[in-house]
Amino acid sequence: MNETRWWWVRHAPVAAPYAGLVYGARDVPCDLSETCAVAAVAERLPMDAVWVTSALSRTVATAAALRRAPEGARPFALAALNEQSFGDWQGRAWRRIETEDKTRYDAFWADPGRAAPPGGESFAALAARAGEAIAALNVAHGGRDIIAVAHAGVIRAALALALDIPAHKALPIAVDTLSISRIDCFRDEGRPASWRINAVNARAASKG
């Protein structure tokens, strides 16, 4: 039996000018000024691990701040782990979207798991691409610890996969910034993968 241990970490909070906006797949910077919180998360993570991020700079920067591993174990970035694209709504506040684009806003929230924002993608589409990436990483790095610094939507998709539930059922799960969600994948030759969820949205205790 091959056991792969996933350490999902949501990136640090986005920088102040973007907080409260719909940023989705837009590449916005994160705020790493809470150094004690970052250090507390880093202490929870294994040393000898494979590191992977999305292709967005907020996960890359968070991973760089968290890493305590040897120089040779550099993270690699996968666009398949990017956050859901909210298309035309990115960079706007939800309250303005509700007022200025009410018809499409109401249609989206009537089925937020399967509906796509204008010019964007559905959560179901995100879950499909993230699921393919997770399956490939399970094969390529089976038996290892994998630290994946990603986004709330991607982490919810990973939890839906582990729970074997439709992706939209995972949307209510809270995934805070700098939280850790721990999932183990068990694979045996010729059998479907099975999963164990150890922690969801766990916050590391800061020492300062």
N, C-alpha and C. Protein backbone atom coordinates (compact mmCIF):
# COMPACT_ATOMS: atom_id res chain seq x y z
N MET A 1 0.85 -1.20 0.00
CA MET A 1 0.00 0.00 0.00
C MET A 1 0.89 1.24 0.00
N ASN A 2 0.63 2.14 -0.93
CA ASN A 2 1.38 3.37 -1.07
C ASN A 2 0.63 4.52 -0.40
N GLU A 3 1.25 5.19 0.56
CA GLU A 3 0.60 6.29 1.28
C GLU A 3 1.28 7.61 0.93
N THR A 4 0.50 8.53 0.37
CA THR A 4 0.99 9.86 0.05
C THR A 4 0.31 10.86 0.97
N ARG A 5 1.10 11.68 1.63
CA ARG A 5 0.57 12.59 2.65
C ARG A 5 0.56 14.03 2.09
N TRP A 6 -0.65 14.55 1.96
CA TRP A 6 -0.85 15.91 1.41
C TRP A 6 -0.98 16.92 2.54
N TRP A 7 -0.21 17.97 2.45
CA TRP A 7 -0.28 19.11 3.36
C TRP A 7 -0.73 20.31 2.53
N TRP A 8 -2.03 20.59 2.55
CA TRP A 8 -2.57 21.71 1.79
C TRP A 8 -2.52 22.98 2.64
N VAL A 9 -1.88 24.00 2.14
CA VAL A 9 -1.76 25.29 2.84
C VAL A 9 -2.36 26.38 1.96
N ARG A 10 -3.30 27.12 2.51
CA ARG A 10 -3.80 28.28 1.75
C ARG A 10 -2.80 29.42 1.89
N HIS A 11 -2.61 30.16 0.83
CA HIS A 11 -1.65 31.27 0.79
C HIS A 11 -1.94 32.31 1.87
N ALA A 12 -0.97 33.18 2.11
CA ALA A 12 -1.14 34.30 3.05
C ALA A 12 -2.22 35.26 2.53
N PRO A 13 -2.75 36.12 3.41
CA PRO A 13 -3.79 37.07 2.98
C PRO A 13 -3.30 37.94 1.82
N VAL A 14 -4.21 38.32 0.96
CA VAL A 14 -3.83 39.21 -0.14
C VAL A 14 -3.54 40.60 0.42
N ALA A 15 -2.74 41.36 -0.30
CA ALA A 15 -2.36 42.70 0.14
C ALA A 15 -3.58 43.60 0.26
N ALA A 16 -3.48 44.59 1.13
CA ALA A 16 -4.61 45.44 1.52
C ALA A 16 -5.42 46.02 0.36
N PRO A 17 -4.81 46.53 -0.71
CA PRO A 17 -5.66 47.13 -1.76
C PRO A 17 -6.63 46.15 -2.41
N TYR A 18 -6.36 44.83 -2.29
CA TYR A 18 -7.19 43.84 -2.96
C TYR A 18 -8.14 43.12 -2.00
N ALA A 19 -7.95 43.31 -0.70
CA ALA A 19 -8.82 42.65 0.27
C ALA A 19 -10.26 43.12 0.07
N GLY A 20 -11.18 42.19 0.09
CA GLY A 20 -12.58 42.52 -0.10
C GLY A 20 -13.02 42.53 -1.55
N LEU A 21 -12.09 42.36 -2.48
CA LEU A 21 -12.43 42.30 -3.88
C LEU A 21 -12.47 40.85 -4.35
N VAL A 22 -13.12 40.61 -5.46
CA VAL A 22 -13.11 39.30 -6.09
C VAL A 22 -11.82 39.21 -6.90
N TYR A 23 -10.83 38.47 -6.40
CA TYR A 23 -9.57 38.40 -7.15
C TYR A 23 -9.43 37.08 -7.90
N GLY A 24 -10.00 35.98 -7.42
CA GLY A 24 -10.02 34.74 -8.17
C GLY A 24 -8.68 34.36 -8.77
N ALA A 25 -8.63 34.23 -10.11
CA ALA A 25 -7.41 33.83 -10.80
C ALA A 25 -6.52 35.02 -11.15
N ARG A 26 -6.93 36.23 -10.75
CA ARG A 26 -6.08 37.40 -10.98
C ARG A 26 -4.82 37.29 -10.13
N ASP A 27 -3.69 37.68 -10.69
CA ASP A 27 -2.41 37.53 -9.98
C ASP A 27 -2.19 38.75 -9.10
N VAL A 28 -2.57 38.65 -7.83
CA VAL A 28 -2.41 39.75 -6.88
C VAL A 28 -1.42 39.33 -5.79
N PRO A 29 -0.69 40.30 -5.22
CA PRO A 29 0.31 39.96 -4.21
C PRO A 29 -0.32 39.62 -2.87
N CYS A 30 0.46 38.92 -2.03
CA CYS A 30 -0.02 38.60 -0.69
C CYS A 30 0.76 39.40 0.36
N ASP A 31 0.24 39.40 1.56
CA ASP A 31 0.84 40.14 2.68
C ASP A 31 1.48 39.13 3.63
N LEU A 32 2.79 39.12 3.70
CA LEU A 32 3.54 38.18 4.55
C LEU A 32 4.12 38.87 5.79
N SER A 33 3.51 40.00 6.18
CA SER A 33 4.06 40.76 7.31
C SER A 33 3.84 40.09 8.65
N GLU A 34 2.85 39.17 8.74
CA GLU A 34 2.61 38.46 10.01
C GLU A 34 3.62 37.31 10.11
N THR A 35 4.85 37.65 10.42
CA THR A 35 5.94 36.68 10.36
C THR A 35 5.78 35.57 11.41
N CYS A 36 5.19 35.87 12.55
CA CYS A 36 4.99 34.84 13.57
C CYS A 36 4.00 33.79 13.08
N ALA A 37 2.95 34.23 12.42
CA ALA A 37 1.96 33.29 11.89
C ALA A 37 2.58 32.42 10.81
N VAL A 38 3.39 33.02 9.94
CA VAL A 38 4.07 32.25 8.89
C VAL A 38 5.01 31.23 9.51
N ALA A 39 5.77 31.65 10.52
CA ALA A 39 6.72 30.74 11.17
C ALA A 39 6.00 29.58 11.86
N ALA A 40 4.83 29.87 12.45
CA ALA A 40 4.08 28.81 13.13
C ALA A 40 3.61 27.75 12.15
N VAL A 41 3.17 28.18 10.96
CA VAL A 41 2.77 27.22 9.94
C VAL A 41 3.99 26.41 9.48
N ALA A 42 5.09 27.09 9.23
CA ALA A 42 6.30 26.42 8.75
C ALA A 42 6.75 25.31 9.70
N GLU A 43 6.61 25.54 11.00
CA GLU A 43 7.03 24.55 11.98
C GLU A 43 6.18 23.29 11.95
N ARG A 44 4.96 23.40 11.42
CA ARG A 44 4.06 22.25 11.35
C ARG A 44 4.33 21.36 10.13
N LEU A 45 5.10 21.87 9.18
CA LEU A 45 5.27 21.18 7.91
C LEU A 45 6.50 20.26 7.93
N PRO A 46 6.44 19.14 7.22
CA PRO A 46 7.59 18.22 7.20
C PRO A 46 8.76 18.80 6.42
N MET A 47 9.97 18.38 6.78
CA MET A 47 11.16 18.90 6.12
C MET A 47 11.39 18.28 4.75
N ASP A 48 11.31 16.97 4.67
CA ASP A 48 11.63 16.25 3.43
C ASP A 48 10.35 16.04 2.64
N ALA A 49 9.99 17.04 1.86
CA ALA A 49 8.71 16.99 1.14
C ALA A 49 8.87 17.50 -0.28
N VAL A 50 7.94 17.13 -1.11
CA VAL A 50 7.78 17.72 -2.44
C VAL A 50 6.94 18.98 -2.27
N TRP A 51 7.38 20.09 -2.85
CA TRP A 51 6.64 21.34 -2.75
C TRP A 51 6.03 21.69 -4.10
N VAL A 52 4.77 22.06 -4.08
CA VAL A 52 4.08 22.48 -5.30
C VAL A 52 3.21 23.69 -4.97
N THR A 53 3.10 24.60 -5.92
CA THR A 53 2.25 25.78 -5.76
C THR A 53 1.39 25.91 -7.02
N SER A 54 0.47 26.87 -6.98
CA SER A 54 -0.19 27.27 -8.22
C SER A 54 0.79 28.14 -9.00
N ALA A 55 0.36 28.64 -10.14
CA ALA A 55 1.21 29.52 -10.93
C ALA A 55 1.04 30.99 -10.54
N LEU A 56 0.22 31.27 -9.52
CA LEU A 56 -0.03 32.65 -9.10
C LEU A 56 0.95 33.06 -8.02
N SER A 57 1.38 34.32 -8.06
CA SER A 57 2.49 34.76 -7.23
C SER A 57 2.20 34.69 -5.73
N ARG A 58 0.93 34.78 -5.33
CA ARG A 58 0.66 34.75 -3.89
C ARG A 58 0.95 33.38 -3.28
N THR A 59 0.82 32.32 -4.05
CA THR A 59 1.19 31.00 -3.52
C THR A 59 2.69 30.78 -3.60
N VAL A 60 3.30 31.29 -4.67
CA VAL A 60 4.76 31.15 -4.82
C VAL A 60 5.47 31.89 -3.69
N ALA A 61 5.02 33.11 -3.39
CA ALA A 61 5.65 33.90 -2.33
C ALA A 61 5.41 33.27 -0.96
N THR A 62 4.22 32.74 -0.73
CA THR A 62 3.93 32.08 0.55
C THR A 62 4.82 30.85 0.72
N ALA A 63 4.97 30.06 -0.32
CA ALA A 63 5.82 28.87 -0.24
C ALA A 63 7.26 29.26 0.07
N ALA A 64 7.75 30.32 -0.57
CA ALA A 64 9.12 30.77 -0.33
C ALA A 64 9.32 31.17 1.13
N ALA A 65 8.29 31.79 1.72
CA ALA A 65 8.39 32.20 3.13
C ALA A 65 8.30 31.02 4.09
N LEU A 66 7.62 29.96 3.68
CA LEU A 66 7.40 28.81 4.55
C LEU A 66 8.54 27.79 4.51
N ARG A 67 9.25 27.74 3.41
CA ARG A 67 10.18 26.64 3.19
C ARG A 67 11.34 26.64 4.19
N ARG A 68 11.56 25.46 4.79
CA ARG A 68 12.74 25.23 5.62
C ARG A 68 13.56 24.07 5.07
N ALA A 69 13.14 23.55 3.92
CA ALA A 69 13.76 22.37 3.34
C ALA A 69 15.09 22.72 2.69
N PRO A 70 15.91 21.72 2.36
CA PRO A 70 17.18 21.98 1.68
C PRO A 70 16.96 22.70 0.36
N GLU A 71 17.99 23.38 -0.09
CA GLU A 71 17.89 24.19 -1.31
C GLU A 71 17.46 23.37 -2.52
N GLY A 72 17.79 22.09 -2.53
CA GLY A 72 17.47 21.26 -3.69
C GLY A 72 15.98 21.00 -3.85
N ALA A 73 15.21 21.15 -2.78
CA ALA A 73 13.78 20.83 -2.81
C ALA A 73 12.95 22.07 -3.13
N ARG A 74 13.15 22.62 -4.31
CA ARG A 74 12.45 23.84 -4.69
C ARG A 74 11.02 23.54 -5.15
N PRO A 75 10.08 24.42 -4.84
CA PRO A 75 8.70 24.21 -5.30
C PRO A 75 8.60 24.31 -6.82
N PHE A 76 7.64 23.61 -7.39
CA PHE A 76 7.33 23.83 -8.80
C PHE A 76 5.88 24.25 -8.90
N ALA A 77 5.59 25.06 -9.91
CA ALA A 77 4.28 25.69 -10.04
C ALA A 77 3.44 24.98 -11.11
N LEU A 78 2.15 24.79 -10.80
CA LEU A 78 1.21 24.17 -11.73
C LEU A 78 0.02 25.09 -11.93
N ALA A 79 -0.23 25.50 -13.15
CA ALA A 79 -1.40 26.34 -13.44
C ALA A 79 -2.70 25.61 -13.15
N ALA A 80 -2.67 24.28 -13.16
CA ALA A 80 -3.88 23.50 -12.85
C ALA A 80 -4.35 23.71 -11.42
N LEU A 81 -3.47 24.24 -10.56
CA LEU A 81 -3.84 24.51 -9.18
C LEU A 81 -4.18 25.98 -8.94
N ASN A 82 -4.35 26.75 -10.02
CA ASN A 82 -4.76 28.14 -9.87
C ASN A 82 -6.18 28.23 -9.31
N GLU A 83 -6.49 29.36 -8.70
CA GLU A 83 -7.82 29.60 -8.18
C GLU A 83 -8.83 29.70 -9.33
N GLN A 84 -10.10 29.53 -9.00
CA GLN A 84 -11.18 29.66 -9.98
C GLN A 84 -11.15 31.04 -10.63
N SER A 85 -11.32 31.08 -11.92
CA SER A 85 -11.40 32.36 -12.62
C SER A 85 -12.82 32.92 -12.52
N PHE A 86 -12.91 34.15 -12.06
CA PHE A 86 -14.20 34.83 -12.00
C PHE A 86 -14.37 35.82 -13.15
N GLY A 87 -13.53 35.70 -14.17
CA GLY A 87 -13.70 36.43 -15.42
C GLY A 87 -13.90 37.92 -15.26
N ASP A 88 -15.03 38.40 -15.79
CA ASP A 88 -15.31 39.85 -15.82
C ASP A 88 -15.48 40.44 -14.43
N TRP A 89 -15.69 39.62 -13.43
CA TRP A 89 -15.94 40.12 -12.08
C TRP A 89 -14.66 40.32 -11.27
N GLN A 90 -13.56 39.85 -11.76
CA GLN A 90 -12.32 39.97 -10.99
C GLN A 90 -11.90 41.43 -10.84
N GLY A 91 -11.48 41.78 -9.64
CA GLY A 91 -11.09 43.15 -9.34
C GLY A 91 -12.23 44.03 -8.87
N ARG A 92 -13.45 43.44 -8.74
CA ARG A 92 -14.61 44.21 -8.30
C ARG A 92 -15.11 43.65 -6.96
N ALA A 93 -15.84 44.48 -6.22
CA ALA A 93 -16.42 44.04 -4.95
C ALA A 93 -17.75 43.35 -5.22
N TRP A 94 -18.06 42.32 -4.41
CA TRP A 94 -19.32 41.59 -4.59
C TRP A 94 -20.52 42.52 -4.53
N ARG A 95 -20.50 43.49 -3.63
CA ARG A 95 -21.66 44.36 -3.48
C ARG A 95 -21.90 45.19 -4.75
N ARG A 96 -20.82 45.56 -5.45
CA ARG A 96 -20.98 46.32 -6.69
C ARG A 96 -21.47 45.40 -7.81
N ILE A 97 -20.98 44.18 -7.82
CA ILE A 97 -21.43 43.22 -8.83
C ILE A 97 -22.92 42.96 -8.68
N GLU A 98 -23.36 42.81 -7.42
CA GLU A 98 -24.79 42.56 -7.16
C GLU A 98 -25.65 43.71 -7.68
N THR A 99 -25.14 44.92 -7.54
CA THR A 99 -25.91 46.08 -7.99
C THR A 99 -25.82 46.29 -9.49
N GLU A 100 -24.62 46.15 -10.05
CA GLU A 100 -24.38 46.51 -11.44
C GLU A 100 -24.63 45.37 -12.43
N ASP A 101 -24.63 44.14 -11.95
CA ASP A 101 -24.77 42.99 -12.84
C ASP A 101 -25.72 41.98 -12.19
N LYS A 102 -26.87 42.48 -11.73
CA LYS A 102 -27.73 41.69 -10.85
C LYS A 102 -28.27 40.41 -11.50
N THR A 103 -28.63 40.47 -12.77
CA THR A 103 -29.21 39.29 -13.41
C THR A 103 -28.21 38.14 -13.43
N ARG A 104 -26.99 38.43 -13.86
CA ARG A 104 -25.98 37.37 -13.91
C ARG A 104 -25.49 37.00 -12.50
N TYR A 105 -25.47 37.96 -11.60
CA TYR A 105 -25.12 37.69 -10.20
C TYR A 105 -26.11 36.70 -9.60
N ASP A 106 -27.41 36.94 -9.79
CA ASP A 106 -28.43 36.05 -9.24
C ASP A 106 -28.36 34.67 -9.88
N ALA A 107 -28.09 34.60 -11.17
CA ALA A 107 -27.99 33.31 -11.85
C ALA A 107 -26.79 32.51 -11.33
N PHE A 108 -25.71 33.21 -11.07
CA PHE A 108 -24.52 32.52 -10.54
C PHE A 108 -24.80 31.95 -9.16
N TRP A 109 -25.36 32.74 -8.27
CA TRP A 109 -25.56 32.28 -6.89
C TRP A 109 -26.72 31.29 -6.76
N ALA A 110 -27.51 31.15 -7.82
CA ALA A 110 -28.54 30.10 -7.81
C ALA A 110 -27.91 28.71 -7.93
N ASP A 111 -26.70 28.64 -8.50
CA ASP A 111 -26.01 27.36 -8.65
C ASP A 111 -24.51 27.62 -8.69
N PRO A 112 -23.90 28.05 -7.56
CA PRO A 112 -22.51 28.51 -7.56
C PRO A 112 -21.48 27.42 -7.83
N GLY A 113 -21.88 26.16 -7.72
CA GLY A 113 -20.94 25.09 -8.02
C GLY A 113 -20.80 24.81 -9.50
N ARG A 114 -21.91 25.00 -10.24
CA ARG A 114 -21.89 24.62 -11.66
C ARG A 114 -22.00 25.81 -12.61
N ALA A 115 -22.43 26.95 -12.11
CA ALA A 115 -22.54 28.13 -12.96
C ALA A 115 -21.18 28.83 -13.05
N ALA A 116 -20.91 29.42 -14.21
CA ALA A 116 -19.66 30.15 -14.41
C ALA A 116 -19.93 31.65 -14.41
N PRO A 117 -19.10 32.44 -13.74
CA PRO A 117 -19.24 33.90 -13.87
C PRO A 117 -18.98 34.31 -15.32
N PRO A 118 -19.47 35.47 -15.74
CA PRO A 118 -19.25 35.89 -17.12
C PRO A 118 -17.75 35.97 -17.45
N GLY A 119 -17.35 35.24 -18.49
CA GLY A 119 -15.95 35.24 -18.88
C GLY A 119 -15.06 34.39 -17.99
N GLY A 120 -15.65 33.66 -17.03
CA GLY A 120 -14.87 32.87 -16.09
C GLY A 120 -15.15 31.39 -16.21
N GLU A 121 -14.90 30.65 -15.14
CA GLU A 121 -15.10 29.21 -15.14
C GLU A 121 -15.92 28.81 -13.92
N SER A 122 -16.55 27.67 -13.99
CA SER A 122 -17.34 27.17 -12.86
C SER A 122 -16.43 26.49 -11.85
N PHE A 123 -16.94 26.34 -10.64
CA PHE A 123 -16.19 25.61 -9.62
C PHE A 123 -16.02 24.16 -10.03
N ALA A 124 -17.01 23.60 -10.71
CA ALA A 124 -16.91 22.22 -11.20
C ALA A 124 -15.73 22.08 -12.16
N ALA A 125 -15.51 23.09 -13.02
CA ALA A 125 -14.37 23.05 -13.95
C ALA A 125 -13.06 23.12 -13.19
N LEU A 126 -13.00 23.98 -12.17
CA LEU A 126 -11.80 24.03 -11.33
C LEU A 126 -11.53 22.67 -10.70
N ALA A 127 -12.58 22.05 -10.14
CA ALA A 127 -12.41 20.77 -9.46
C ALA A 127 -11.89 19.70 -10.41
N ALA A 128 -12.36 19.74 -11.66
CA ALA A 128 -11.93 18.74 -12.64
C ALA A 128 -10.44 18.89 -12.96
N ARG A 129 -9.99 20.12 -13.21
CA ARG A 129 -8.57 20.30 -13.55
C ARG A 129 -7.67 20.05 -12.34
N ALA A 130 -8.11 20.49 -11.15
CA ALA A 130 -7.32 20.23 -9.96
C ALA A 130 -7.25 18.73 -9.66
N GLY A 131 -8.36 18.03 -9.86
CA GLY A 131 -8.38 16.59 -9.61
C GLY A 131 -7.41 15.85 -10.50
N GLU A 132 -7.30 16.26 -11.76
CA GLU A 132 -6.34 15.63 -12.67
C GLU A 132 -4.90 15.86 -12.20
N ALA A 133 -4.63 17.08 -11.74
CA ALA A 133 -3.28 17.39 -11.25
C ALA A 133 -2.96 16.59 -9.99
N ILE A 134 -3.93 16.48 -9.09
CA ILE A 134 -3.71 15.71 -7.85
C ILE A 134 -3.43 14.25 -8.17
N ALA A 135 -4.20 13.68 -9.09
CA ALA A 135 -3.98 12.28 -9.48
C ALA A 135 -2.59 12.09 -10.06
N ALA A 136 -2.15 13.01 -10.90
CA ALA A 136 -0.82 12.90 -11.51
C ALA A 136 0.29 13.01 -10.45
N LEU A 137 0.11 13.91 -9.49
CA LEU A 137 1.10 14.07 -8.43
C LEU A 137 1.15 12.84 -7.52
N ASN A 138 -0.01 12.22 -7.29
CA ASN A 138 -0.04 10.99 -6.50
C ASN A 138 0.79 9.89 -7.15
N VAL A 139 0.78 9.85 -8.47
CA VAL A 139 1.57 8.85 -9.19
C VAL A 139 3.05 9.23 -9.20
N ALA A 140 3.33 10.49 -9.52
CA ALA A 140 4.72 10.93 -9.66
C ALA A 140 5.47 10.95 -8.34
N HIS A 141 4.76 11.20 -7.25
CA HIS A 141 5.43 11.36 -5.95
C HIS A 141 4.78 10.48 -4.88
N GLY A 142 4.29 9.33 -5.29
CA GLY A 142 3.65 8.42 -4.36
C GLY A 142 4.56 8.03 -3.20
N GLY A 143 3.98 7.98 -2.02
CA GLY A 143 4.74 7.63 -0.83
C GLY A 143 5.47 8.78 -0.17
N ARG A 144 5.35 9.99 -0.74
CA ARG A 144 6.05 11.15 -0.20
C ARG A 144 5.08 12.06 0.56
N ASP A 145 5.64 13.03 1.26
CA ASP A 145 4.88 14.17 1.75
C ASP A 145 4.84 15.20 0.64
N ILE A 146 3.65 15.72 0.33
CA ILE A 146 3.49 16.77 -0.67
C ILE A 146 2.91 18.00 0.02
N ILE A 147 3.66 19.09 0.01
CA ILE A 147 3.16 20.37 0.54
C ILE A 147 2.66 21.17 -0.65
N ALA A 148 1.36 21.42 -0.68
CA ALA A 148 0.74 22.14 -1.79
C ALA A 148 0.23 23.48 -1.27
N VAL A 149 0.85 24.56 -1.68
CA VAL A 149 0.42 25.90 -1.29
C VAL A 149 -0.52 26.39 -2.40
N ALA A 150 -1.77 26.54 -2.07
CA ALA A 150 -2.77 26.78 -3.10
C ALA A 150 -3.84 27.75 -2.59
N HIS A 151 -5.04 27.60 -3.10
CA HIS A 151 -6.14 28.54 -2.90
C HIS A 151 -7.33 27.84 -2.26
N ALA A 152 -8.24 28.63 -1.71
CA ALA A 152 -9.39 28.06 -1.01
C ALA A 152 -10.18 27.13 -1.93
N GLY A 153 -10.43 27.56 -3.16
CA GLY A 153 -11.21 26.74 -4.07
C GLY A 153 -10.55 25.42 -4.39
N VAL A 154 -9.25 25.45 -4.61
CA VAL A 154 -8.51 24.23 -4.93
C VAL A 154 -8.49 23.28 -3.73
N ILE A 155 -8.33 23.82 -2.54
CA ILE A 155 -8.32 22.98 -1.34
C ILE A 155 -9.70 22.36 -1.11
N ARG A 156 -10.75 23.12 -1.35
CA ARG A 156 -12.11 22.55 -1.26
C ARG A 156 -12.29 21.43 -2.29
N ALA A 157 -11.74 21.62 -3.49
CA ALA A 157 -11.83 20.57 -4.51
C ALA A 157 -11.09 19.32 -4.07
N ALA A 158 -9.93 19.47 -3.43
CA ALA A 158 -9.18 18.33 -2.93
C ALA A 158 -9.96 17.59 -1.84
N LEU A 159 -10.64 18.35 -0.99
CA LEU A 159 -11.44 17.73 0.06
C LEU A 159 -12.65 17.01 -0.52
N ALA A 160 -13.26 17.58 -1.56
CA ALA A 160 -14.38 16.90 -2.23
C ALA A 160 -13.92 15.58 -2.83
N LEU A 161 -12.73 15.58 -3.42
CA LEU A 161 -12.17 14.35 -3.99
C LEU A 161 -11.97 13.31 -2.90
N ALA A 162 -11.40 13.73 -1.78
CA ALA A 162 -11.15 12.79 -0.68
C ALA A 162 -12.45 12.25 -0.08
N LEU A 163 -13.46 13.10 -0.01
CA LEU A 163 -14.75 12.70 0.57
C LEU A 163 -15.63 11.96 -0.43
N ASP A 164 -15.23 11.97 -1.71
CA ASP A 164 -16.00 11.35 -2.79
C ASP A 164 -17.40 11.94 -2.85
N ILE A 165 -17.45 13.28 -2.86
CA ILE A 165 -18.72 13.99 -2.96
C ILE A 165 -18.67 14.91 -4.18
N PRO A 166 -19.84 15.31 -4.73
CA PRO A 166 -19.82 16.29 -5.81
C PRO A 166 -19.09 17.55 -5.38
N ALA A 167 -18.35 18.15 -6.28
CA ALA A 167 -17.50 19.28 -5.92
C ALA A 167 -18.26 20.39 -5.21
N HIS A 168 -19.48 20.71 -5.68
CA HIS A 168 -20.21 21.85 -5.10
C HIS A 168 -20.58 21.62 -3.64
N LYS A 169 -20.60 20.37 -3.20
CA LYS A 169 -20.92 20.08 -1.80
C LYS A 169 -19.81 20.57 -0.86
N ALA A 170 -18.62 20.81 -1.40
CA ALA A 170 -17.50 21.26 -0.56
C ALA A 170 -17.43 22.78 -0.44
N LEU A 171 -18.27 23.50 -1.17
CA LEU A 171 -18.19 24.96 -1.14
C LEU A 171 -18.39 25.57 0.24
N PRO A 172 -19.22 24.99 1.14
CA PRO A 172 -19.38 25.60 2.45
C PRO A 172 -18.19 25.41 3.40
N ILE A 173 -17.20 24.59 3.03
CA ILE A 173 -16.07 24.32 3.92
C ILE A 173 -15.20 25.57 4.05
N ALA A 174 -14.93 25.99 5.28
CA ALA A 174 -14.07 27.16 5.52
C ALA A 174 -12.62 26.79 5.27
N VAL A 175 -11.92 27.63 4.52
CA VAL A 175 -10.48 27.45 4.29
C VAL A 175 -9.83 28.82 4.47
N ASP A 176 -9.31 29.07 5.66
CA ASP A 176 -8.73 30.37 5.97
C ASP A 176 -7.32 30.50 5.41
N THR A 177 -6.87 31.74 5.27
CA THR A 177 -5.49 31.96 4.85
C THR A 177 -4.54 31.39 5.90
N LEU A 178 -3.42 30.84 5.43
CA LEU A 178 -2.39 30.22 6.26
C LEU A 178 -2.94 29.09 7.13
N SER A 179 -3.98 28.42 6.66
CA SER A 179 -4.47 27.23 7.35
C SER A 179 -3.89 25.99 6.66
N ILE A 180 -3.91 24.87 7.40
CA ILE A 180 -3.40 23.60 6.90
C ILE A 180 -4.55 22.60 6.87
N SER A 181 -4.69 21.92 5.75
CA SER A 181 -5.62 20.79 5.64
C SER A 181 -4.80 19.56 5.28
N ARG A 182 -4.92 18.51 6.07
CA ARG A 182 -4.09 17.30 5.93
C ARG A 182 -4.91 16.13 5.41
N ILE A 183 -4.49 15.60 4.26
CA ILE A 183 -5.20 14.49 3.62
C ILE A 183 -4.18 13.43 3.22
N ASP A 184 -4.48 12.17 3.49
CA ASP A 184 -3.63 11.06 3.07
C ASP A 184 -4.32 10.30 1.94
N CYS A 185 -3.53 9.93 0.93
CA CYS A 185 -4.03 9.13 -0.18
C CYS A 185 -3.37 7.75 -0.14
N PHE A 186 -4.17 6.69 -0.19
CA PHE A 186 -3.67 5.32 -0.18
C PHE A 186 -3.94 4.70 -1.54
N ARG A 187 -2.89 4.20 -2.17
CA ARG A 187 -3.01 3.59 -3.49
C ARG A 187 -2.41 2.20 -3.47
N ASP A 188 -3.14 1.26 -4.05
CA ASP A 188 -2.68 -0.11 -4.20
C ASP A 188 -2.85 -0.51 -5.66
N GLU A 189 -1.90 -1.26 -6.17
CA GLU A 189 -1.93 -1.65 -7.58
C GLU A 189 -3.28 -2.27 -7.96
N GLY A 190 -3.90 -1.69 -8.99
CA GLY A 190 -5.13 -2.24 -9.51
C GLY A 190 -6.38 -1.90 -8.73
N ARG A 191 -6.26 -1.05 -7.70
CA ARG A 191 -7.42 -0.67 -6.90
C ARG A 191 -7.60 0.84 -6.91
N PRO A 192 -8.85 1.32 -6.76
CA PRO A 192 -9.07 2.77 -6.67
C PRO A 192 -8.39 3.35 -5.43
N ALA A 193 -7.97 4.59 -5.53
CA ALA A 193 -7.36 5.26 -4.38
C ALA A 193 -8.39 5.44 -3.27
N SER A 194 -7.92 5.38 -2.04
CA SER A 194 -8.76 5.69 -0.89
C SER A 194 -8.09 6.83 -0.11
N TRP A 195 -8.88 7.52 0.71
CA TRP A 195 -8.40 8.74 1.34
C TRP A 195 -8.72 8.76 2.83
N ARG A 196 -7.90 9.48 3.56
CA ARG A 196 -8.17 9.75 4.98
C ARG A 196 -7.94 11.24 5.22
N ILE A 197 -8.92 11.89 5.82
CA ILE A 197 -8.81 13.32 6.14
C ILE A 197 -8.39 13.45 7.61
N ASN A 198 -7.25 14.08 7.84
CA ASN A 198 -6.72 14.23 9.19
C ASN A 198 -7.04 15.59 9.82
N ALA A 199 -7.12 16.61 9.00
CA ALA A 199 -7.40 17.96 9.52
C ALA A 199 -7.92 18.83 8.40
N VAL A 200 -8.83 19.74 8.74
CA VAL A 200 -9.37 20.70 7.78
C VAL A 200 -9.30 22.10 8.39
N ASN A 201 -8.71 23.03 7.67
CA ASN A 201 -8.65 24.43 8.10
C ASN A 201 -8.00 24.58 9.47
N ALA A 202 -6.97 23.80 9.74
CA ALA A 202 -6.26 23.88 11.02
C ALA A 202 -5.35 25.10 11.03
N ARG A 203 -5.39 25.80 12.13
CA ARG A 203 -4.54 26.99 12.28
C ARG A 203 -3.40 26.69 13.24
N ALA A 204 -2.18 27.02 12.82
CA ALA A 204 -1.03 26.82 13.67
C ALA A 204 -0.99 27.91 14.73
N ALA A 205 -0.67 27.54 15.96
CA ALA A 205 -0.62 28.51 17.05
C ALA A 205 0.64 29.35 16.92
N SER A 206 0.46 30.67 16.88
CA SER A 206 1.61 31.57 16.78
C SER A 206 2.27 31.71 18.14
N LYS A 207 3.60 31.84 18.13
CA LYS A 207 4.36 31.98 19.37
C LYS A 207 4.67 33.43 19.72
N GLY A 208 4.21 34.34 18.92
CA GLY A 208 4.54 35.71 19.22
C GLY A 208 3.56 36.70 18.64
